């Protein structure tokens, strides 16, 4: 009997030691409808509501089983429709995370001080109306809600400094989504492209803790409009199910590559 107890204890000890060595990272994805489409991919809406598992979470589970890792992804609507209003443009991230930073929430939305205590990786994005960009005035204002490149740049620079203040956290930022040709003007589409290029070529820095996932390039394939075959409808710039299903594993693997340090 004593021998059996010793063997059991040894097995338990080895098992606990093995679990302690499993690589664990917690990821939070802050999103709205476009992000939700990628989260689901080809997963049925009813199944997702029932289980909380779309193509992205299922990809993580398969990867964990194969590689003996413990990467966990949580999806959160951010900001919520009430009380903040659901807007997730550059101003809104700046407003919540920089202007109103701190250890307590702002209008029931978590600050970066709060998120970085719970998660190792923070992923965030904009909805495609961020591309309804007005012409610059020559008088940029960091506290302006006007969707203008001159304001976006100031807000992005402030956000970068804020994210750099959490060097142990990795941030993944989606590039601004594109709009269908039928849903925007040529001038607005060009401004969206100009801001996108500024983010990719100038705002982005090598060897820091911020990584860009290039949804704009996937949607446009080198143009300035979202390709019609990727859209949910003729005037709906959300990704359709087929396109989302193609991007879900790409997005999932990008997060994992960032965790593992395989992305510059």
C-alpha atoms as a PDB file:
ATOM      1  CA  UNK A   1       0.000   0.000   0.000  1.00  0.00           C
ATOM      2  CA  UNK A   2       2.809   2.399   0.894  1.00  0.00           C
ATOM      3  CA  UNK A   3       4.517   1.594  -2.412  1.00  0.00           C
ATOM      4  CA  UNK A   4       1.314   2.433  -4.316  1.00  0.00           C
ATOM      5  CA  UNK A   5       1.027   5.737  -2.450  1.00  0.00           C
ATOM      6  CA  UNK A   6       4.617   6.617  -3.313  1.00  0.00           C
ATOM      7  CA  UNK A   7       4.079   5.839  -6.996  1.00  0.00           C
ATOM      8  CA  UNK A   8       0.874   7.878  -7.055  1.00  0.00           C
ATOM      9  CA  UNK A   9       2.608  10.800  -5.372  1.00  0.00           C
ATOM     10  CA  UNK A  10       5.454  10.653  -7.901  1.00  0.00           C
ATOM     11  CA  UNK A  11       3.026  10.655 -10.849  1.00  0.00           C
ATOM     12  CA  UNK A  12       1.157  13.617  -9.365  1.00  0.00           C
ATOM     13  CA  UNK A  13       4.410  15.496  -8.808  1.00  0.00           C
ATOM     14  CA  UNK A  14       5.551  14.944 -12.396  1.00  0.00           C
ATOM     15  CA  UNK A  15       2.155  15.963 -13.720  1.00  0.00           C
ATOM     16  CA  UNK A  16       2.129  19.208 -11.730  1.00  0.00           C
ATOM     17  CA  UNK A  17       5.679  19.984 -12.792  1.00  0.00           C
ATOM     18  CA  UNK A  18       4.773  19.394 -16.434  1.00  0.00           C
ATOM     19  CA  UNK A  19       1.760  21.732 -16.209  1.00  0.00           C
ATOM     20  CA  UNK A  20       3.907  24.422 -14.629  1.00  0.00           C
ATOM     21  CA  UNK A  21       6.192  24.324 -17.660  1.00  0.00           C
ATOM     22  CA  UNK A  22       3.393  24.823 -20.191  1.00  0.00           C
ATOM     23  CA  UNK A  23       3.833  28.187 -21.892  1.00  0.00           C
ATOM     24  CA  UNK A  24       0.874  30.403 -21.018  1.00  0.00           C
ATOM     25  CA  UNK A  25      -0.114  33.737 -22.534  1.00  0.00           C
ATOM     26  CA  UNK A  26      -3.393  35.612 -22.156  1.00  0.00           C
ATOM     27  CA  UNK A  27      -4.642  37.604 -25.139  1.00  0.00           C
ATOM     28  CA  UNK A  28      -7.529  40.065 -25.249  1.00  0.00           C
ATOM     29  CA  UNK A  29      -9.075  41.155 -28.546  1.00  0.00           C
ATOM     30  CA  UNK A  30     -11.026  44.418 -28.343  1.00  0.00           C
ATOM     31  CA  UNK A  31     -13.421  44.542 -31.265  1.00  0.00           C
ATOM     32  CA  UNK A  32     -16.794  45.297 -32.788  1.00  0.00           C
ATOM     33  CA  UNK A  33     -18.535  43.839 -35.842  1.00  0.00           C
ATOM     34  CA  UNK A  34     -15.599  43.553 -38.271  1.00  0.00           C
ATOM     35  CA  UNK A  35     -13.502  41.895 -35.602  1.00  0.00           C
ATOM     36  CA  UNK A  36     -16.389  39.605 -34.722  1.00  0.00           C
ATOM     37  CA  UNK A  37     -16.567  38.452 -38.350  1.00  0.00           C
ATOM     38  CA  UNK A  38     -12.923  37.391 -38.218  1.00  0.00           C
ATOM     39  CA  UNK A  39     -13.410  35.764 -34.810  1.00  0.00           C
ATOM     40  CA  UNK A  40     -16.230  33.626 -36.195  1.00  0.00           C
ATOM     41  CA  UNK A  41     -14.782  32.896 -39.623  1.00  0.00           C
ATOM     42  CA  UNK A  42     -16.886  30.023 -40.907  1.00  0.00           C
ATOM     43  CA  UNK A  43     -18.439  29.259 -37.518  1.00  0.00           C
ATOM     44  CA  UNK A  44     -22.209  29.312 -37.281  1.00  0.00           C
ATOM     45  CA  UNK A  45     -23.590  32.281 -35.320  1.00  0.00           C
ATOM     46  CA  UNK A  46     -25.766  30.056 -33.129  1.00  0.00           C
ATOM     47  CA  UNK A  47     -22.824  27.809 -32.254  1.00  0.00           C
ATOM     48  CA  UNK A  48     -20.721  30.867 -31.411  1.00  0.00           C
ATOM     49  CA  UNK A  49     -23.393  32.313 -29.113  1.00  0.00           C
ATOM     50  CA  UNK A  50     -23.772  28.919 -27.450  1.00  0.00           C
ATOM     51  CA  UNK A  51     -20.088  28.110 -26.950  1.00  0.00           C
ATOM     52  CA  UNK A  52     -18.163  31.372 -27.392  1.00  0.00           C
ATOM     53  CA  UNK A  53     -15.911  29.526 -29.832  1.00  0.00           C
ATOM     54  CA  UNK A  54     -15.342  30.786 -33.355  1.00  0.00           C
ATOM     55  CA  UNK A  55     -12.625  29.918 -35.837  1.00  0.00           C
ATOM     56  CA  UNK A  56      -9.986  31.957 -33.981  1.00  0.00           C
ATOM     57  CA  UNK A  57     -10.536  30.321 -30.592  1.00  0.00           C
ATOM     58  CA  UNK A  58     -10.693  26.879 -32.210  1.00  0.00           C
ATOM     59  CA  UNK A  59      -7.396  27.600 -33.966  1.00  0.00           C
ATOM     60  CA  UNK A  60      -5.831  28.462 -30.603  1.00  0.00           C
ATOM     61  CA  UNK A  61      -7.161  25.255 -29.055  1.00  0.00           C
ATOM     62  CA  UNK A  62      -5.745  23.118 -31.861  1.00  0.00           C
ATOM     63  CA  UNK A  63      -2.396  24.889 -31.623  1.00  0.00           C
ATOM     64  CA  UNK A  64      -2.278  24.381 -27.860  1.00  0.00           C
ATOM     65  CA  UNK A  65      -2.976  20.659 -28.154  1.00  0.00           C
ATOM     66  CA  UNK A  66      -0.333  20.192 -30.819  1.00  0.00           C
ATOM     67  CA  UNK A  67       2.366  22.335 -29.208  1.00  0.00           C
ATOM     68  CA  UNK A  68       1.623  21.887 -25.484  1.00  0.00           C
ATOM     69  CA  UNK A  69       1.060  25.600 -24.994  1.00  0.00           C
ATOM     70  CA  UNK A  70      -1.691  27.407 -23.138  1.00  0.00           C
ATOM     71  CA  UNK A  71      -2.523  30.489 -25.204  1.00  0.00           C
ATOM     72  CA  UNK A  72      -5.887  31.893 -24.197  1.00  0.00           C
ATOM     73  CA  UNK A  73      -7.802  34.506 -26.199  1.00  0.00           C
ATOM     74  CA  UNK A  74     -10.691  36.553 -24.825  1.00  0.00           C
ATOM     75  CA  UNK A  75     -12.900  38.734 -27.036  1.00  0.00           C
ATOM     76  CA  UNK A  76     -14.457  41.905 -25.608  1.00  0.00           C
ATOM     77  CA  UNK A  77     -16.733  44.483 -27.234  1.00  0.00           C
ATOM     78  CA  UNK A  78     -14.812  47.736 -26.802  1.00  0.00           C
ATOM     79  CA  UNK A  79     -15.955  50.356 -26.220  1.00  0.00           C
ATOM     80  CA  UNK A  80     -19.475  49.219 -25.372  1.00  0.00           C
ATOM     81  CA  UNK A  81     -22.506  50.941 -26.869  1.00  0.00           C
ATOM     82  CA  UNK A  82     -23.566  52.096 -23.398  1.00  0.00           C
ATOM     83  CA  UNK A  83     -22.466  54.259 -21.742  1.00  0.00           C
ATOM     84  CA  UNK A  84     -19.493  55.209 -23.938  1.00  0.00           C
ATOM     85  CA  UNK A  85     -21.253  55.049 -27.297  1.00  0.00           C
ATOM     86  CA  UNK A  86     -19.433  52.269 -29.126  1.00  0.00           C
ATOM     87  CA  UNK A  87     -17.080  54.513 -31.121  1.00  0.00           C
ATOM     88  CA  UNK A  88     -13.613  53.014 -31.597  1.00  0.00           C
ATOM     89  CA  UNK A  89     -11.765  55.606 -33.663  1.00  0.00           C
ATOM     90  CA  UNK A  90      -8.280  56.939 -32.842  1.00  0.00           C
ATOM     91  CA  UNK A  91      -9.767  59.665 -30.634  1.00  0.00           C
ATOM     92  CA  UNK A  92     -11.652  57.116 -28.535  1.00  0.00           C
ATOM     93  CA  UNK A  93      -8.629  54.961 -27.718  1.00  0.00           C
ATOM     94  CA  UNK A  94      -6.709  58.142 -26.926  1.00  0.00           C
ATOM     95  CA  UNK A  95      -9.599  59.408 -24.796  1.00  0.00           C
ATOM     96  CA  UNK A  96      -9.924  56.233 -22.722  1.00  0.00           C
ATOM     97  CA  UNK A  97      -6.288  55.156 -22.519  1.00  0.00           C
ATOM     98  CA  UNK A  98      -4.293  58.392 -22.532  1.00  0.00           C
ATOM     99  CA  UNK A  99      -6.474  61.336 -21.549  1.00  0.00           C
ATOM    100  CA  UNK A 100      -8.323  59.359 -18.878  1.00  0.00           C
ATOM    101  CA  UNK A 101      -5.629  56.838 -17.970  1.00  0.00           C
ATOM    102  CA  UNK A 102      -5.450  55.334 -14.505  1.00  0.00           C
ATOM    103  CA  UNK A 103      -6.190  52.332 -12.367  1.00  0.00           C
ATOM    104  CA  UNK A 104      -9.962  52.765 -12.574  1.00  0.00           C
ATOM    105  CA  UNK A 105     -12.225  52.443 -15.598  1.00  0.00           C
ATOM    106  CA  UNK A 106     -13.431  55.391 -17.653  1.00  0.00           C
ATOM    107  CA  UNK A 107     -17.156  55.281 -18.462  1.00  0.00           C
ATOM    108  CA  UNK A 108     -17.059  51.575 -17.580  1.00  0.00           C
ATOM    109  CA  UNK A 109     -14.250  50.885 -20.076  1.00  0.00           C
ATOM    110  CA  UNK A 110     -10.942  49.379 -18.906  1.00  0.00           C
ATOM    111  CA  UNK A 111      -7.834  51.520 -19.163  1.00  0.00           C
ATOM    112  CA  UNK A 112      -4.487  50.142 -20.274  1.00  0.00           C
ATOM    113  CA  UNK A 113      -3.389  50.111 -16.644  1.00  0.00           C
ATOM    114  CA  UNK A 114      -6.195  47.620 -16.026  1.00  0.00           C
ATOM    115  CA  UNK A 115      -5.844  45.564 -19.195  1.00  0.00           C
ATOM    116  CA  UNK A 116      -2.091  45.106 -18.921  1.00  0.00           C
ATOM    117  CA  UNK A 117      -2.446  43.668 -15.417  1.00  0.00           C
ATOM    118  CA  UNK A 118      -4.670  40.891 -16.750  1.00  0.00           C
ATOM    119  CA  UNK A 119      -3.424  40.241 -20.283  1.00  0.00           C
ATOM    120  CA  UNK A 120      -0.041  39.653 -21.899  1.00  0.00           C
ATOM    121  CA  UNK A 121      -1.214  40.698 -25.380  1.00  0.00           C
ATOM    122  CA  UNK A 122      -3.728  43.455 -26.200  1.00  0.00           C
ATOM    123  CA  UNK A 123      -5.228  43.522 -29.711  1.00  0.00           C
ATOM    124  CA  UNK A 124      -7.378  46.426 -30.886  1.00  0.00           C
ATOM    125  CA  UNK A 125      -8.881  47.784 -34.077  1.00  0.00           C
ATOM    126  CA  UNK A 126     -11.091  50.433 -35.661  1.00  0.00           C
ATOM    127  CA  UNK A 127     -14.402  49.996 -37.422  1.00  0.00           C
ATOM    128  CA  UNK A 128     -14.453  50.928 -41.108  1.00  0.00           C
ATOM    129  CA  UNK A 129     -16.239  54.301 -40.546  1.00  0.00           C
ATOM    130  CA  UNK A 130     -12.826  55.465 -39.322  1.00  0.00           C
ATOM    131  CA  UNK A 131     -12.178  55.803 -43.063  1.00  0.00           C
ATOM    132  CA  UNK A 132     -14.759  58.561 -43.457  1.00  0.00           C
ATOM    133  CA  UNK A 133     -11.924  61.041 -43.134  1.00  0.00           C
ATOM    134  CA  UNK A 134     -12.457  64.767 -43.638  1.00  0.00           C
ATOM    135  CA  UNK A 135      -9.936  67.120 -45.221  1.00  0.00           C
ATOM    136  CA  UNK A 136      -7.279  68.548 -42.898  1.00  0.00           C
ATOM    137  CA  UNK A 137      -7.747  72.096 -41.638  1.00  0.00           C
ATOM    138  CA  UNK A 138      -4.134  72.909 -40.811  1.00  0.00           C
ATOM    139  CA  UNK A 139      -5.127  73.236 -37.154  1.00  0.00           C
ATOM    140  CA  UNK A 140      -4.716  69.744 -35.687  1.00  0.00           C
ATOM    141  CA  UNK A 141      -6.078  69.021 -32.230  1.00  0.00           C
ATOM    142  CA  UNK A 142      -5.325  65.952 -30.168  1.00  0.00           C
ATOM    143  CA  UNK A 143      -8.607  66.357 -28.266  1.00  0.00           C
ATOM    144  CA  UNK A 144     -10.663  66.699 -31.432  1.00  0.00           C
ATOM    145  CA  UNK A 145     -13.181  64.004 -32.340  1.00  0.00           C
ATOM    146  CA  UNK A 146     -13.122  65.128 -35.979  1.00  0.00           C
ATOM    147  CA  UNK A 147     -11.957  62.309 -38.213  1.00  0.00           C
ATOM    148  CA  UNK A 148      -9.040  64.027 -39.920  1.00  0.00           C
ATOM    149  CA  UNK A 149      -5.539  62.720 -40.610  1.00  0.00           C
ATOM    150  CA  UNK A 150      -3.994  65.636 -38.724  1.00  0.00           C
ATOM    151  CA  UNK A 151      -5.890  64.615 -35.576  1.00  0.00           C
ATOM    152  CA  UNK A 152      -5.380  60.877 -36.087  1.00  0.00           C
ATOM    153  CA  UNK A 153      -1.618  61.368 -36.200  1.00  0.00           C
ATOM    154  CA  UNK A 154      -1.487  63.233 -32.883  1.00  0.00           C
ATOM    155  CA  UNK A 155      -3.716  60.639 -31.227  1.00  0.00           C
ATOM    156  CA  UNK A 156      -1.643  57.758 -32.617  1.00  0.00           C
ATOM    157  CA  UNK A 157       1.602  59.295 -31.409  1.00  0.00           C
ATOM    158  CA  UNK A 158       0.142  59.652 -27.918  1.00  0.00           C
ATOM    159  CA  UNK A 159      -1.104  56.061 -28.028  1.00  0.00           C
ATOM    160  CA  UNK A 160       2.332  54.807 -29.075  1.00  0.00           C
ATOM    161  CA  UNK A 161       3.992  56.540 -26.131  1.00  0.00           C
ATOM    162  CA  UNK A 162       1.370  55.054 -23.833  1.00  0.00           C
ATOM    163  CA  UNK A 163       1.875  51.527 -25.163  1.00  0.00           C
ATOM    164  CA  UNK A 164       5.640  51.898 -24.875  1.00  0.00           C
ATOM    165  CA  UNK A 165       5.137  52.587 -21.164  1.00  0.00           C
ATOM    166  CA  UNK A 166       4.058  48.935 -20.798  1.00  0.00           C
ATOM    167  CA  UNK A 167       7.149  47.178 -22.221  1.00  0.00           C
ATOM    168  CA  UNK A 168       6.144  43.771 -20.845  1.00  0.00           C
ATOM    169  CA  UNK A 169       2.882  43.818 -22.811  1.00  0.00           C
ATOM    170  CA  UNK A 170       2.632  43.181 -26.538  1.00  0.00           C
ATOM    171  CA  UNK A 171       0.147  45.235 -28.545  1.00  0.00           C
ATOM    172  CA  UNK A 172      -1.304  44.242 -31.904  1.00  0.00           C
ATOM    173  CA  UNK A 173      -2.962  47.069 -33.825  1.00  0.00           C
ATOM    174  CA  UNK A 174      -5.099  46.412 -36.897  1.00  0.00           C
ATOM    175  CA  UNK A 175      -4.460  48.849 -39.710  1.00  0.00           C
ATOM    176  CA  UNK A 176      -7.456  50.983 -40.611  1.00  0.00           C
ATOM    177  CA  UNK A 177     -10.053  48.969 -42.593  1.00  0.00           C
ATOM    178  CA  UNK A 178     -10.902  49.914 -46.159  1.00  0.00           C
ATOM    179  CA  UNK A 179     -14.295  50.884 -47.553  1.00  0.00           C
ATOM    180  CA  UNK A 180     -16.066  49.721 -50.676  1.00  0.00           C
ATOM    181  CA  UNK A 181     -15.919  52.083 -53.645  1.00  0.00           C
ATOM    182  CA  UNK A 182     -19.721  52.397 -53.468  1.00  0.00           C
ATOM    183  CA  UNK A 183     -19.570  53.464 -49.816  1.00  0.00           C
ATOM    184  CA  UNK A 184     -17.045  56.280 -49.945  1.00  0.00           C
ATOM    185  CA  UNK A 185     -15.620  58.978 -52.193  1.00  0.00           C
ATOM    186  CA  UNK A 186     -12.319  58.869 -54.033  1.00  0.00           C
ATOM    187  CA  UNK A 187     -11.034  61.677 -51.811  1.00  0.00           C
ATOM    188  CA  UNK A 188     -11.933  59.849 -48.613  1.00  0.00           C
ATOM    189  CA  UNK A 189     -10.493  56.586 -49.917  1.00  0.00           C
ATOM    190  CA  UNK A 190      -7.242  58.379 -50.745  1.00  0.00           C
ATOM    191  CA  UNK A 191      -7.106  59.918 -47.258  1.00  0.00           C
ATOM    192  CA  UNK A 192      -7.665  56.485 -45.710  1.00  0.00           C
ATOM    193  CA  UNK A 193      -4.806  55.147 -47.810  1.00  0.00           C
ATOM    194  CA  UNK A 194      -2.580  58.092 -46.852  1.00  0.00           C
ATOM    195  CA  UNK A 195      -3.197  57.497 -43.147  1.00  0.00           C
ATOM    196  CA  UNK A 196      -2.635  53.775 -43.607  1.00  0.00           C
ATOM    197  CA  UNK A 197       0.721  54.426 -45.317  1.00  0.00           C
ATOM    198  CA  UNK A 198       1.760  56.841 -42.575  1.00  0.00           C
ATOM    199  CA  UNK A 199       1.006  54.223 -39.913  1.00  0.00           C
ATOM    200  CA  UNK A 200       2.884  51.474 -41.764  1.00  0.00           C
ATOM    201  CA  UNK A 201       5.868  53.510 -42.969  1.00  0.00           C
ATOM    202  CA  UNK A 202       6.373  56.149 -40.273  1.00  0.00           C
ATOM    203  CA  UNK A 203       4.405  55.480 -37.092  1.00  0.00           C
ATOM    204  CA  UNK A 204       5.363  51.826 -36.881  1.00  0.00           C
ATOM    205  CA  UNK A 205       8.760  51.128 -35.306  1.00  0.00           C
ATOM    206  CA  UNK A 206      10.951  48.049 -35.495  1.00  0.00           C
ATOM    207  CA  UNK A 207      11.911  46.151 -32.357  1.00  0.00           C
ATOM    208  CA  UNK A 208       9.292  47.642 -30.043  1.00  0.00           C
ATOM    209  CA  UNK A 209       6.246  46.060 -28.392  1.00  0.00           C
ATOM    210  CA  UNK A 210       3.710  47.145 -31.055  1.00  0.00           C
ATOM    211  CA  UNK A 211       2.833  44.984 -34.073  1.00  0.00           C
ATOM    212  CA  UNK A 212       0.608  45.786 -37.054  1.00  0.00           C
ATOM    213  CA  UNK A 213      -1.850  43.303 -38.524  1.00  0.00           C
ATOM    214  CA  UNK A 214      -2.502  44.568 -42.032  1.00  0.00           C
ATOM    215  CA  UNK A 215      -6.237  44.107 -42.584  1.00  0.00           C
ATOM    216  CA  UNK A 216      -6.194  47.020 -45.054  1.00  0.00           C
ATOM    217  CA  UNK A 217      -3.828  45.218 -47.405  1.00  0.00           C
ATOM    218  CA  UNK A 218      -5.812  41.981 -47.211  1.00  0.00           C
ATOM    219  CA  UNK A 219      -9.021  43.847 -48.066  1.00  0.00           C
ATOM    220  CA  UNK A 220      -7.642  45.984 -50.891  1.00  0.00           C
ATOM    221  CA  UNK A 221      -4.831  43.860 -52.360  1.00  0.00           C
ATOM    222  CA  UNK A 222      -2.936  46.985 -53.384  1.00  0.00           C
ATOM    223  CA  UNK A 223      -5.858  49.243 -54.246  1.00  0.00           C
ATOM    224  CA  UNK A 224      -7.578  51.928 -52.205  1.00  0.00           C
ATOM    225  CA  UNK A 225     -10.998  50.267 -51.937  1.00  0.00           C
ATOM    226  CA  UNK A 226     -12.195  47.075 -50.310  1.00  0.00           C
ATOM    227  CA  UNK A 227     -12.618  44.456 -53.029  1.00  0.00           C
ATOM    228  CA  UNK A 228     -16.293  43.766 -53.696  1.00  0.00           C
ATOM    229  CA  UNK A 229     -15.866  39.993 -53.561  1.00  0.00           C
ATOM    230  CA  UNK A 230     -14.679  40.278 -49.948  1.00  0.00           C
ATOM    231  CA  UNK A 231     -17.595  42.403 -48.709  1.00  0.00           C
ATOM    232  CA  UNK A 232     -20.774  41.308 -46.994  1.00  0.00           C
ATOM    233  CA  UNK A 233     -22.910  43.292 -49.424  1.00  0.00           C
ATOM    234  CA  UNK A 234     -22.769  45.775 -52.291  1.00  0.00           C
ATOM    235  CA  UNK A 235     -22.813  48.664 -49.816  1.00  0.00           C
ATOM    236  CA  UNK A 236     -21.686  46.782 -46.681  1.00  0.00           C
ATOM    237  CA  UNK A 237     -17.946  46.987 -45.988  1.00  0.00           C
ATOM    238  CA  UNK A 238     -17.965  44.211 -43.390  1.00  0.00           C
ATOM    239  CA  UNK A 239     -16.034  41.086 -44.424  1.00  0.00           C
ATOM    240  CA  UNK A 240     -18.243  38.332 -45.798  1.00  0.00           C
ATOM    241  CA  UNK A 241     -18.146  34.823 -44.348  1.00  0.00           C
ATOM    242  CA  UNK A 242     -15.868  33.369 -47.025  1.00  0.00           C
ATOM    243  CA  UNK A 243     -13.302  36.137 -46.684  1.00  0.00           C
ATOM    244  CA  UNK A 244     -13.464  36.038 -42.885  1.00  0.00           C
ATOM    245  CA  UNK A 245     -12.900  32.275 -42.935  1.00  0.00           C
ATOM    246  CA  UNK A 246      -9.699  32.818 -44.943  1.00  0.00           C
ATOM    247  CA  UNK A 247      -8.431  35.526 -42.599  1.00  0.00           C
ATOM    248  CA  UNK A 248      -9.248  33.818 -39.280  1.00  0.00           C
ATOM    249  CA  UNK A 249      -6.288  31.394 -39.342  1.00  0.00           C
ATOM    250  CA  UNK A 250      -3.984  34.115 -40.693  1.00  0.00           C
ATOM    251  CA  UNK A 251      -4.941  36.426 -37.836  1.00  0.00           C
ATOM    252  CA  UNK A 252      -4.658  33.624 -35.270  1.00  0.00           C
ATOM    253  CA  UNK A 253      -1.201  32.593 -36.407  1.00  0.00           C
ATOM    254  CA  UNK A 254      -0.064  36.230 -36.462  1.00  0.00           C
ATOM    255  CA  UNK A 255      -0.965  36.580 -32.773  1.00  0.00           C
ATOM    256  CA  UNK A 256       0.934  33.396 -31.955  1.00  0.00           C
ATOM    257  CA  UNK A 257       3.935  34.552 -33.993  1.00  0.00           C
ATOM    258  CA  UNK A 258       3.937  37.824 -32.042  1.00  0.00           C
ATOM    259  CA  UNK A 259       3.833  35.922 -28.758  1.00  0.00           C
ATOM    260  CA  UNK A 260       6.753  33.762 -29.847  1.00  0.00           C
ATOM    261  CA  UNK A 261       8.761  36.731 -31.118  1.00  0.00           C
ATOM    262  CA  UNK A 262       8.637  35.698 -34.761  1.00  0.00           C
ATOM    263  CA  UNK A 263       7.362  39.075 -36.024  1.00  0.00           C
ATOM    264  CA  UNK A 264       9.589  42.154 -36.352  1.00  0.00           C
END
